[in-house]
Amino acid sequence: MSRPRRNFQIRFFHLEAVYFRKSNPPEQDWERDHKTAAQMGMNIFRHWFMWASIENSPGKYDWRDFDRMVELEAQTISKS
């Protein structure tokens, strides 16, 4: 006995970029990449940050990259 074939379309695809290593991709690409993602309809961003790049010496924290990513996401999501 054969099963009837169902005809359906999948409208979801997975797109991912790796943003977790310090300076990779370079900071000058971040704004362009976020704008491109928003133009493609992406509205969720997930970033991985290596703790060693945030706490670069004991008790000293540098959140600038993290803050910039959150700022870019707020700008691009609110415009899309």
Foldseek 3Di string as FASTA:
>chain_A
DDDDDDDDDDPDDDDDDAAEDPCVPHPVCLLVVLLVCLVVPDLDDDYHYDVCQQCVDVPHGDCVVVVVNVVSSVVSNVVD
